[in-house]
Each structure stands twice: as structure tokens, then as C-alpha cells.
PDB file of N, CA and C in Angstrom:
ATOM      1  N   UNK A   1     171.389-200.410  37.845  1.00  0.00           N
ATOM      2  CA  UNK A   1     170.704-199.220  38.311  1.00  0.00           C
ATOM      3  C   UNK A   1     171.484-197.982  37.859  1.00  0.00           C
ATOM      4  N   UNK A   2     170.817-197.094  37.189  1.00  0.00           N
ATOM      5  CA  UNK A   2     171.451-195.912  36.602  1.00  0.00           C
ATOM      6  C   UNK A   2     172.081-195.011  37.658  1.00  0.00           C
ATOM      7  N   UNK A   3     171.413-194.836  38.768  1.00  0.00           N
ATOM      8  CA  UNK A   3     171.925-193.946  39.815  1.00  0.00           C
ATOM      9  C   UNK A   3     173.227-194.480  40.393  1.00  0.00           C
ATOM     10  N   UNK A   4     173.357-195.783  40.493  1.00  0.00           N
ATOM     11  CA  UNK A   4     174.583-196.378  41.035  1.00  0.00           C
ATOM     12  C   UNK A   4     175.775-196.176  40.112  1.00  0.00           C
ATOM     13  N   UNK A   5     175.524-195.805  38.857  1.00  0.00           N
ATOM     14  CA  UNK A   5     176.604-195.537  37.915  1.00  0.00           C
ATOM     15  C   UNK A   5     177.168-194.123  38.080  1.00  0.00           C
ATOM     16  N   UNK A   6     176.461-193.280  38.811  1.00  0.00           N
ATOM     17  CA  UNK A   6     176.944-191.921  39.056  1.00  0.00           C
ATOM     18  C   UNK A   6     178.105-191.945  40.039  1.00  0.00           C
ATOM     19  N   UNK A   7     178.977-190.939  39.970  1.00  0.00           N
ATOM     20  CA  UNK A   7     180.036-190.839  40.981  1.00  0.00           C
ATOM     21  C   UNK A   7     179.421-190.679  42.374  1.00  0.00           C
ATOM     22  N   UNK A   8     180.120-191.160  43.385  1.00  0.00           N
ATOM     23  CA  UNK A   8     179.607-191.140  44.757  1.00  0.00           C
ATOM     24  C   UNK A   8     179.179-189.740  45.214  1.00  0.00           C
ATOM     25  N   UNK A   9     179.957-188.687  44.954  1.00  0.00           N
ATOM     26  CA  UNK A   9     179.499-187.352  45.376  1.00  0.00           C
ATOM     27  C   UNK A   9     178.164-186.953  44.738  1.00  0.00           C
ATOM     28  N   UNK A  10     177.946-187.339  43.493  1.00  0.00           N
ATOM     29  CA  UNK A  10     176.674-187.042  42.831  1.00  0.00           C
ATOM     30  C   UNK A  10     175.531-187.817  43.480  1.00  0.00           C
ATOM     31  N   UNK A  11     175.780-189.071  43.819  1.00  0.00           N
ATOM     32  CA  UNK A  11     174.757-189.874  44.497  1.00  0.00           C
ATOM     33  C   UNK A  11     174.389-189.242  45.838  1.00  0.00           C
ATOM     34  N   UNK A  12     175.411-188.811  46.570  1.00  0.00           N
ATOM     35  CA  UNK A  12     175.165-188.191  47.876  1.00  0.00           C
ATOM     36  C   UNK A  12     174.363-186.901  47.732  1.00  0.00           C
ATOM     37  N   UNK A  13     174.709-186.106  46.735  1.00  0.00           N
ATOM     38  CA  UNK A  13     173.983-184.855  46.490  1.00  0.00           C
ATOM     39  C   UNK A  13     172.531-185.132  46.136  1.00  0.00           C
ATOM     40  N   UNK A  14     172.309-186.121  45.278  1.00  0.00           N
ATOM     41  CA  UNK A  14     170.933-186.481  44.911  1.00  0.00           C
ATOM     42  C   UNK A  14     170.142-186.917  46.133  1.00  0.00           C
ATOM     43  N   UNK A  15     170.764-187.707  46.973  1.00  0.00           N
ATOM     44  CA  UNK A  15     170.076-188.202  48.167  1.00  0.00           C
ATOM     45  C   UNK A  15     169.651-187.046  49.073  1.00  0.00           C
ATOM     46  N   UNK A  16     170.550-186.102  49.291  1.00  0.00           N
ATOM     47  CA  UNK A  16     170.230-184.950  50.142  1.00  0.00           C
ATOM     48  C   UNK A  16     169.141-184.100  49.496  1.00  0.00           C
ATOM     49  N   UNK A  17     169.261-183.847  48.199  1.00  0.00           N
ATOM     50  CA  UNK A  17     168.268-183.032  47.494  1.00  0.00           C
ATOM     51  C   UNK A  17     166.896-183.681  47.541  1.00  0.00           C
ATOM     52  N   UNK A  18     166.808-184.968  47.246  1.00  0.00           N
ATOM     53  CA  UNK A  18     165.505-185.638  47.218  1.00  0.00           C
ATOM     54  C   UNK A  18     164.907-185.770  48.616  1.00  0.00           C
ATOM     55  N   UNK A  19     165.753-185.917  49.625  1.00  0.00           N
ATOM     56  CA  UNK A  19     165.247-185.917  51.000  1.00  0.00           C
ATOM     57  C   UNK A  19     164.606-184.563  51.323  1.00  0.00           C
ATOM     58  N   UNK A  20     165.289-183.502  50.911  1.00  0.00           N
ATOM     59  CA  UNK A  20     164.757-182.155  51.139  1.00  0.00           C
ATOM     60  C   UNK A  20     163.446-181.952  50.377  1.00  0.00           C
ATOM     61  N   UNK A  21     163.417-182.350  49.110  1.00  0.00           N
ATOM     62  CA  UNK A  21     162.198-182.173  48.315  1.00  0.00           C
ATOM     63  C   UNK A  21     161.042-182.984  48.886  1.00  0.00           C
ATOM     64  N   UNK A  22     161.350-184.136  49.450  1.00  0.00           N
ATOM     65  CA  UNK A  22     160.305-184.934  50.098  1.00  0.00           C
ATOM     66  C   UNK A  22     159.707-184.167  51.272  1.00  0.00           C
ATOM     67  N   UNK A  23     160.566-183.525  52.058  1.00  0.00           N
ATOM     68  CA  UNK A  23     160.063-182.714  53.180  1.00  0.00           C
ATOM     69  C   UNK A  23     159.227-181.543  52.676  1.00  0.00           C
ATOM     70  N   UNK A  24     159.646-180.952  51.573  1.00  0.00           N
ATOM     71  CA  UNK A  24     158.874-179.846  50.987  1.00  0.00           C
ATOM     72  C   UNK A  24     157.470-180.327  50.646  1.00  0.00           C
ATOM     73  N   UNK A  25     157.376-181.475  49.974  1.00  0.00           N
ATOM     74  CA  UNK A  25     156.073-182.016  49.572  1.00  0.00           C
ATOM     75  C   UNK A  25     155.255-182.428  50.793  1.00  0.00           C
ATOM     76  N   UNK A  26     155.908-182.982  51.804  1.00  0.00           N
ATOM     77  CA  UNK A  26     155.190-183.380  53.021  1.00  0.00           C
ATOM     78  C   UNK A  26     154.549-182.178  53.721  1.00  0.00           C
ATOM     79  N   UNK A  27     155.073-181.003  53.482  1.00  0.00           N
ATOM     80  CA  UNK A  27     154.511-179.775  54.049  1.00  0.00           C
ATOM     81  C   UNK A  27     153.673-179.025  53.022  1.00  0.00           C
ATOM     82  N   UNK A  28     153.148-179.757  52.066  1.00  0.00           N
ATOM     83  CA  UNK A  28     152.377-179.169  50.975  1.00  0.00           C
ATOM     84  C   UNK A  28     151.163-178.372  51.405  1.00  0.00           C
ATOM     85  N   UNK A  29     150.560-178.742  52.521  1.00  0.00           N
ATOM     86  CA  UNK A  29     149.392-177.983  52.990  1.00  0.00           C
ATOM     87  C   UNK A  29     149.782-176.567  53.394  1.00  0.00           C
ATOM     88  N   UNK A  30     151.008-176.400  53.851  1.00  0.00           N
ATOM     89  CA  UNK A  30     151.473-175.074  54.271  1.00  0.00           C
ATOM     90  C   UNK A  30     152.090-174.291  53.117  1.00  0.00           C
ATOM     91  N   UNK A  31     152.844-174.986  52.251  1.00  0.00           N
ATOM     92  CA  UNK A  31     153.578-174.281  51.201  1.00  0.00           C
ATOM     93  C   UNK A  31     152.985-174.453  49.799  1.00  0.00           C
ATOM     94  N   UNK A  32     151.925-175.253  49.697  1.00  0.00           N
ATOM     95  CA  UNK A  32     151.222-175.522  48.432  1.00  0.00           C
ATOM     96  C   UNK A  32     152.124-176.141  47.355  1.00  0.00           C
ATOM     97  N   UNK A  33     153.132-176.877  47.789  1.00  0.00           N
ATOM     98  CA  UNK A  33     154.012-177.573  46.856  1.00  0.00           C
ATOM     99  C   UNK A  33     153.642-179.053  46.836  1.00  0.00           C
ATOM    100  N   UNK A  34     153.078-179.488  45.727  1.00  0.00           N
ATOM    101  CA  UNK A  34     152.723-180.887  45.528  1.00  0.00           C
ATOM    102  C   UNK A  34     153.863-181.577  44.783  1.00  0.00           C
ATOM    103  N   UNK A  35     153.745-182.890  44.598  1.00  0.00           N
ATOM    104  CA  UNK A  35     154.725-183.600  43.778  1.00  0.00           C
ATOM    105  C   UNK A  35     154.788-182.988  42.387  1.00  0.00           C
ATOM    106  N   UNK A  36     153.627-182.652  41.843  1.00  0.00           N
ATOM    107  CA  UNK A  36     153.573-182.069  40.509  1.00  0.00           C
ATOM    108  C   UNK A  36     154.277-180.713  40.471  1.00  0.00           C
ATOM    109  N   UNK A  37     154.070-179.899  41.490  1.00  0.00           N
ATOM    110  CA  UNK A  37     154.713-178.579  41.541  1.00  0.00           C
ATOM    111  C   UNK A  37     156.233-178.712  41.609  1.00  0.00           C
ATOM    112  N   UNK A  38     156.700-179.616  42.451  1.00  0.00           N
ATOM    113  CA  UNK A  38     158.140-179.840  42.576  1.00  0.00           C
ATOM    114  C   UNK A  38     158.703-180.344  41.247  1.00  0.00           C
ATOM    115  N   UNK A  39     157.980-181.230  40.587  1.00  0.00           N
ATOM    116  CA  UNK A  39     158.433-181.757  39.296  1.00  0.00           C
ATOM    117  C   UNK A  39     158.524-180.650  38.255  1.00  0.00           C
ATOM    118  N   UNK A  40     157.549-179.760  38.234  1.00  0.00           N
ATOM    119  CA  UNK A  40     157.555-178.659  37.264  1.00  0.00           C
ATOM    120  C   UNK A  40     158.752-177.740  37.505  1.00  0.00           C
ATOM    121  N   UNK A  41     159.057-177.491  38.771  1.00  0.00           N
ATOM    122  CA  UNK A  41     160.155-176.585  39.107  1.00  0.00           C
ATOM    123  C   UNK A  41     161.517-177.236  38.865  1.00  0.00           C
ATOM    124  N   UNK A  42     161.692-178.476  39.309  1.00  0.00           N
ATOM    125  CA  UNK A  42     163.006-179.101  39.274  1.00  0.00           C
ATOM    126  C   UNK A  42     163.257-179.992  38.060  1.00  0.00           C
ATOM    127  N   UNK A  43     162.214-180.455  37.386  1.00  0.00           N
ATOM    128  CA  UNK A  43     162.386-181.337  36.237  1.00  0.00           C
ATOM    129  C   UNK A  43     163.332-180.799  35.182  1.00  0.00           C
ATOM    130  N   UNK A  44     163.112-179.583  34.692  1.00  0.00           N
ATOM    131  CA  UNK A  44     163.993-179.045  33.648  1.00  0.00           C
ATOM    132  C   UNK A  44     165.442-178.875  34.106  1.00  0.00           C
ATOM    133  N   UNK A  45     165.651-178.620  35.381  1.00  0.00           N
ATOM    134  CA  UNK A  45     167.008-178.441  35.896  1.00  0.00           C
ATOM    135  C   UNK A  45     167.713-179.778  36.073  1.00  0.00           C
ATOM    136  N   UNK A  46     167.008-180.753  36.622  1.00  0.00           N
ATOM    137  CA  UNK A  46     167.625-182.045  36.916  1.00  0.00           C
ATOM    138  C   UNK A  46     167.802-182.917  35.686  1.00  0.00           C
ATOM    139  N   UNK A  47     166.935-182.765  34.710  1.00  0.00           N
ATOM    140  CA  UNK A  47     166.940-183.677  33.563  1.00  0.00           C
ATOM    141  C   UNK A  47     167.056-182.934  32.241  1.00  0.00           C
ATOM    142  N   UNK A  48     167.903-181.945  32.192  1.00  0.00           N
ATOM    143  CA  UNK A  48     168.087-181.165  30.971  1.00  0.00           C
ATOM    144  C   UNK A  48     168.805-182.020  29.926  1.00  0.00           C
ATOM    145  N   UNK A  49     168.261-182.084  28.702  1.00  0.00           N
ATOM    146  CA  UNK A  49     168.929-182.874  27.661  1.00  0.00           C
ATOM    147  C   UNK A  49     170.253-182.223  27.253  1.00  0.00           C
ATOM    148  N   UNK A  50     171.214-183.059  26.823  1.00  0.00           N
ATOM    149  CA  UNK A  50     172.505-182.525  26.395  1.00  0.00           C
ATOM    150  C   UNK A  50     172.347-181.598  25.203  1.00  0.00           C
ATOM    151  N   UNK A  51     171.508-182.002  24.259  1.00  0.00           N
ATOM    152  CA  UNK A  51     171.257-181.189  23.070  1.00  0.00           C
ATOM    153  C   UNK A  51     169.797-180.795  23.056  1.00  0.00           C
ATOM    154  N   UNK A  52     169.558-179.510  22.867  1.00  0.00           N
ATOM    155  CA  UNK A  52     168.181-179.033  22.768  1.00  0.00           C
ATOM    156  C   UNK A  52     167.631-179.409  21.395  1.00  0.00           C
ATOM    157  N   UNK A  53     166.456-179.982  21.402  1.00  0.00           N
ATOM    158  CA  UNK A  53     165.784-180.282  20.148  1.00  0.00           C
ATOM    159  C   UNK A  53     164.563-179.383  20.045  1.00  0.00           C
ATOM    160  N   UNK A  54     163.904-179.427  18.936  1.00  0.00           N
ATOM    161  CA  UNK A  54     162.739-178.582  18.736  1.00  0.00           C
ATOM    162  C   UNK A  54     161.526-179.019  19.525  1.00  0.00           C
ATOM    163  N   UNK A  55     161.611-180.137  20.227  1.00  0.00           N
ATOM    164  CA  UNK A  55     160.447-180.697  20.899  1.00  0.00           C
ATOM    165  C   UNK A  55     160.539-180.522  22.417  1.00  0.00           C
ATOM    166  N   UNK A  56     160.678-179.291  22.856  1.00  0.00           N
ATOM    167  CA  UNK A  56     160.856-178.993  24.278  1.00  0.00           C
ATOM    168  C   UNK A  56     159.634-179.405  25.094  1.00  0.00           C
ATOM    169  N   UNK A  57     158.445-179.244  24.544  1.00  0.00           N
ATOM    170  CA  UNK A  57     157.217-179.580  25.279  1.00  0.00           C
ATOM    171  C   UNK A  57     157.186-181.059  25.652  1.00  0.00           C
ATOM    172  N   UNK A  58     157.587-181.911  24.730  1.00  0.00           N
ATOM    173  CA  UNK A  58     157.599-183.354  25.002  1.00  0.00           C
ATOM    174  C   UNK A  58     158.629-183.669  26.082  1.00  0.00           C
ATOM    175  N   UNK A  59     159.814-183.063  25.985  1.00  0.00           N
ATOM    176  CA  UNK A  59     160.840-183.281  27.009  1.00  0.00           C
ATOM    177  C   UNK A  59     160.339-182.856  28.384  1.00  0.00           C
ATOM    178  N   UNK A  60     159.651-181.731  28.436  1.00  0.00           N
ATOM    179  CA  UNK A  60     159.155-181.221  29.710  1.00  0.00           C
ATOM    180  C   UNK A  60     158.166-182.187  30.347  1.00  0.00           C
ATOM    181  N   UNK A  61     157.281-182.747  29.560  1.00  0.00           N
ATOM    182  CA  UNK A  61     156.311-183.714  30.084  1.00  0.00           C
ATOM    183  C   UNK A  61     157.040-184.916  30.672  1.00  0.00           C
ATOM    184  N   UNK A  62     158.006-185.452  29.941  1.00  0.00           N
ATOM    185  CA  UNK A  62     158.759-186.608  30.434  1.00  0.00           C
ATOM    186  C   UNK A  62     159.574-186.255  31.677  1.00  0.00           C
ATOM    187  N   UNK A  63     160.198-185.084  31.674  1.00  0.00           N
ATOM    188  CA  UNK A  63     160.979-184.656  32.834  1.00  0.00           C
ATOM    189  C   UNK A  63     160.109-184.604  34.081  1.00  0.00           C
ATOM    190  N   UNK A  64     158.950-184.007  33.951  1.00  0.00           N
ATOM    191  CA  UNK A  64     158.049-183.885  35.096  1.00  0.00           C
ATOM    192  C   UNK A  64     157.613-185.253  35.602  1.00  0.00           C
ATOM    193  N   UNK A  65     157.317-186.159  34.685  1.00  0.00           N
ATOM    194  CA  UNK A  65     156.893-187.500  35.092  1.00  0.00           C
ATOM    195  C   UNK A  65     158.013-188.231  35.823  1.00  0.00           C
ATOM    196  N   UNK A  66     159.228-188.085  35.349  1.00  0.00           N
ATOM    197  CA  UNK A  66     160.363-188.756  35.985  1.00  0.00           C
ATOM    198  C   UNK A  66     160.597-188.205  37.386  1.00  0.00           C
ATOM    199  N   UNK A  67     160.562-186.883  37.530  1.00  0.00           N
ATOM    200  CA  UNK A  67     160.789-186.292  38.850  1.00  0.00           C
ATOM    201  C   UNK A  67     159.678-186.682  39.814  1.00  0.00           C
ATOM    202  N   UNK A  68     158.441-186.723  39.346  1.00  0.00           N
ATOM    203  CA  UNK A  68     157.339-187.171  40.206  1.00  0.00           C
ATOM    204  C   UNK A  68     157.580-188.604  40.673  1.00  0.00           C
ATOM    205  N   UNK A  69     158.065-189.438  39.763  1.00  0.00           N
ATOM    206  CA  UNK A  69     158.314-190.837  40.085  1.00  0.00           C
ATOM    207  C   UNK A  69     159.418-190.974  41.132  1.00  0.00           C
ATOM    208  N   UNK A  70     160.452-190.177  40.989  1.00  0.00           N
ATOM    209  CA  UNK A  70     161.578-190.228  41.935  1.00  0.00           C
ATOM    210  C   UNK A  70     161.086-189.825  43.304  1.00  0.00           C
TER     211      UNK A  70
END
């Protein structure tokens, strides 16, 4: 499991962040934040590639899908 390979502090931070984002989505009727909205906002930050390539649009689509899945 890829997440288990992260250092413990990173795992803990991810757990807290994703718990918070889950609460944000659960209150989507009030704040209009869906899974897709959260993915669009956080995908590029959480899954930024080490090297930027010319194909940013493709990376963005994959990032959003991964964050939605998480």
C-alpha cells in the first residue's frame, strides 16, 4: 500500500485532512462542495507532479479522479 510507505507524520496529516474534507462534502447541501469540487480544488495541490510537463490538462484530469476516489 503506497500510503503505508509514507512517514508516519505524513500519514497522520493525510488522515486528518481527508476526515475534514469528508465532513466538507457531507455538508455539500449547505456549502455546495461536492466530491468533484473538492477534487478540483485539492487535486493539483495534493498530487502535483515533480516535473511539469506540457500536458497539464491530462494531469489535472487524473489528479481529480484520484482525489475523488480517495
